[in-house]
Amino acid sequence: MTAKPTLTVLAGPTAVGKGTVCQYIREHYPQVWFSVSATTREPRPGEEEGVHYYFVSMDEFDRMIDEGQMLEYAVVHGKNKYGTPRAKCSRRWMLAAR
């Protein structure tokens, strides 16, 4: 019998250590898949497009919201938007459910 896929959400305030937890999981449980969030902020040194975030314009982010392409999103500190794009998560979920 194949185990059913499980969706786990790791959430917390800015700078609480979510990245550290994800790094630990990646190192110790390589079979775990992580979604990549989209953001309207500028990349920080060392961040890679599609690895750490999808960096998009405010207009592109708003279009994604309007078209129902975000599973969830939020405005952080009244400035930048962050969210989870629906498409890659849906594809991954469908593959895992087979």
C-alpha atoms as a PDB file:
ATOM      1  CA  MET A   1       0.000   0.000   0.000  1.00  0.00           C
ATOM      2  CA  THR A   2       1.308   3.456  -0.956  1.00  0.00           C
ATOM      3  CA  ALA A   3       1.211   6.186   1.667  1.00  0.00           C
ATOM      4  CA  LYS A   4      -1.064   9.091   0.851  1.00  0.00           C
ATOM      5  CA  PRO A   5       0.715  12.388   0.219  1.00  0.00           C
ATOM      6  CA  THR A   6       0.678  14.847   3.079  1.00  0.00           C
ATOM      7  CA  LEU A   7       0.576  18.608   2.834  1.00  0.00           C
ATOM      8  CA  THR A   8       2.325  20.458   5.639  1.00  0.00           C
ATOM      9  CA  VAL A   9       2.352  24.226   5.968  1.00  0.00           C
ATOM     10  CA  LEU A  10       5.243  25.888   7.752  1.00  0.00           C
ATOM     11  CA  ALA A  11       4.122  29.368   8.750  1.00  0.00           C
ATOM     12  CA  GLY A  12       5.394  32.039  11.079  1.00  0.00           C
ATOM     13  CA  PRO A  13       6.231  35.712  11.356  1.00  0.00           C
ATOM     14  CA  THR A  14       9.099  37.293   9.467  1.00  0.00           C
ATOM     15  CA  ALA A  15      12.550  36.259  10.734  1.00  0.00           C
ATOM     16  CA  VAL A  16      11.247  33.565  13.102  1.00  0.00           C
ATOM     17  CA  GLY A  17      13.448  30.852  11.555  1.00  0.00           C
ATOM     18  CA  LYS A  18      11.306  29.192   8.860  1.00  0.00           C
ATOM     19  CA  GLY A  19      14.298  29.130   6.518  1.00  0.00           C
ATOM     20  CA  THR A  20      16.444  27.398   9.115  1.00  0.00           C
ATOM     21  CA  VAL A  21      13.768  24.734   9.655  1.00  0.00           C
ATOM     22  CA  CYS A  22      13.441  24.209   5.882  1.00  0.00           C
ATOM     23  CA  GLN A  23      17.204  23.913   5.503  1.00  0.00           C
ATOM     24  CA  TYR A  24      17.310  21.234   8.211  1.00  0.00           C
ATOM     25  CA  ILE A  25      14.478  19.295   6.578  1.00  0.00           C
ATOM     26  CA  ARG A  26      16.148  19.503   3.138  1.00  0.00           C
ATOM     27  CA  GLU A  27      19.419  18.176   4.570  1.00  0.00           C
ATOM     28  CA  HIS A  28      17.865  15.325   6.580  1.00  0.00           C
ATOM     29  CA  TYR A  29      14.784  14.440   4.500  1.00  0.00           C
ATOM     30  CA  PRO A  30      15.652  14.962   0.824  1.00  0.00           C
ATOM     31  CA  GLN A  31      12.426  13.282  -0.300  1.00  0.00           C
ATOM     32  CA  VAL A  32      10.378  16.220   1.033  1.00  0.00           C
ATOM     33  CA  TRP A  33       9.282  18.688  -1.636  1.00  0.00           C
ATOM     34  CA  PHE A  34       9.057  22.424  -0.911  1.00  0.00           C
ATOM     35  CA  SER A  35       7.028  24.958  -2.808  1.00  0.00           C
ATOM     36  CA  VAL A  36       8.721  28.191  -3.825  1.00  0.00           C
ATOM     37  CA  SER A  37       6.922  31.401  -2.876  1.00  0.00           C
ATOM     38  CA  ALA A  38       6.535  34.440  -5.102  1.00  0.00           C
ATOM     39  CA  THR A  39       7.408  37.898  -3.826  1.00  0.00           C
ATOM     40  CA  THR A  40       7.433  41.473  -5.032  1.00  0.00           C
ATOM     41  CA  ARG A  41      10.563  42.396  -3.074  1.00  0.00           C
ATOM     42  CA  GLU A  42      14.001  42.652  -4.590  1.00  0.00           C
ATOM     43  CA  PRO A  43      16.306  39.611  -4.308  1.00  0.00           C
ATOM     44  CA  ARG A  44      18.794  39.632  -1.446  1.00  0.00           C
ATOM     45  CA  PRO A  45      22.447  38.700  -2.042  1.00  0.00           C
ATOM     46  CA  GLY A  46      22.741  34.978  -2.756  1.00  0.00           C
ATOM     47  CA  GLU A  47      19.039  34.409  -3.498  1.00  0.00           C
ATOM     48  CA  GLU A  48      18.277  32.657  -6.779  1.00  0.00           C
ATOM     49  CA  GLU A  49      15.168  33.005  -8.939  1.00  0.00           C
ATOM     50  CA  GLY A  50      13.023  29.882  -8.654  1.00  0.00           C
ATOM     51  CA  VAL A  51      15.110  28.475  -5.808  1.00  0.00           C
ATOM     52  CA  HIS A  52      14.479  30.874  -2.947  1.00  0.00           C
ATOM     53  CA  TYR A  53      11.580  32.850  -4.470  1.00  0.00           C
ATOM     54  CA  TYR A  54       9.980  33.792  -7.744  1.00  0.00           C
ATOM     55  CA  PHE A  55      10.680  37.522  -7.943  1.00  0.00           C
ATOM     56  CA  VAL A  56       7.828  39.285  -9.728  1.00  0.00           C
ATOM     57  CA  SER A  57       6.604  42.833 -10.186  1.00  0.00           C
ATOM     58  CA  MET A  58       3.669  44.202  -8.210  1.00  0.00           C
ATOM     59  CA  ASP A  59       1.597  44.200 -11.413  1.00  0.00           C
ATOM     60  CA  GLU A  60       2.442  40.546 -12.110  1.00  0.00           C
ATOM     61  CA  PHE A  61       1.619  39.554  -8.543  1.00  0.00           C
ATOM     62  CA  ASP A  62      -1.732  41.367  -8.711  1.00  0.00           C
ATOM     63  CA  ARG A  63      -2.480  39.637 -12.026  1.00  0.00           C
ATOM     64  CA  MET A  64      -1.748  36.262 -10.430  1.00  0.00           C
ATOM     65  CA  ILE A  65      -4.164  37.093  -7.601  1.00  0.00           C
ATOM     66  CA  ASP A  66      -6.873  38.275 -10.012  1.00  0.00           C
ATOM     67  CA  GLU A  67      -6.534  35.091 -12.085  1.00  0.00           C
ATOM     68  CA  GLY A  68      -6.742  32.804  -9.043  1.00  0.00           C
ATOM     69  CA  GLN A  69      -3.133  31.660  -9.411  1.00  0.00           C
ATOM     70  CA  MET A  70      -2.257  32.070  -5.724  1.00  0.00           C
ATOM     71  CA  LEU A  71      -3.117  29.528  -3.041  1.00  0.00           C
ATOM     72  CA  GLU A  72      -2.533  32.223  -0.434  1.00  0.00           C
ATOM     73  CA  TYR A  73      -0.847  35.585  -0.214  1.00  0.00           C
ATOM     74  CA  ALA A  74      -0.146  38.421   2.184  1.00  0.00           C
ATOM     75  CA  VAL A  75       1.224  41.934   2.296  1.00  0.00           C
ATOM     76  CA  VAL A  76       4.185  42.038   4.671  1.00  0.00           C
ATOM     77  CA  HIS A  77       5.057  45.224   6.557  1.00  0.00           C
ATOM     78  CA  GLY A  78       2.558  47.100   4.391  1.00  0.00           C
ATOM     79  CA  LYS A  79       4.893  46.920   1.427  1.00  0.00           C
ATOM     80  CA  ASN A  80       5.860  43.688  -0.308  1.00  0.00           C
ATOM     81  CA  LYS A  81       3.585  40.815  -1.247  1.00  0.00           C
ATOM     82  CA  TYR A  82       4.406  37.147  -0.695  1.00  0.00           C
ATOM     83  CA  GLY A  83       2.367  34.171  -1.820  1.00  0.00           C
ATOM     84  CA  THR A  84       2.251  30.544  -2.902  1.00  0.00           C
ATOM     85  CA  PRO A  85       1.671  29.993  -6.629  1.00  0.00           C
ATOM     86  CA  ARG A  86      -1.050  27.407  -7.212  1.00  0.00           C
ATOM     87  CA  ALA A  87       0.225  25.714 -10.411  1.00  0.00           C
ATOM     88  CA  LYS A  88       3.387  23.987  -9.176  1.00  0.00           C
ATOM     89  CA  CYS A  89       1.743  22.886  -5.928  1.00  0.00           C
ATOM     90  CA  SER A  90      -1.259  21.480  -7.801  1.00  0.00           C
ATOM     91  CA  ARG A  91       0.976  19.591 -10.261  1.00  0.00           C
ATOM     92  CA  ARG A  92       3.078  18.172  -7.435  1.00  0.00           C
ATOM     93  CA  TRP A  93      -0.010  17.156  -5.460  1.00  0.00           C
ATOM     94  CA  MET A  94      -1.490  15.388  -8.494  1.00  0.00           C
ATOM     95  CA  LEU A  95       1.772  13.497  -9.131  1.00  0.00           C
ATOM     96  CA  ALA A  96       2.061  12.471  -5.490  1.00  0.00           C
ATOM     97  CA  ALA A  97      -1.564  11.278  -5.362  1.00  0.00           C
ATOM     98  CA  ARG A  98      -1.061   8.769  -8.195  1.00  0.00           C
END
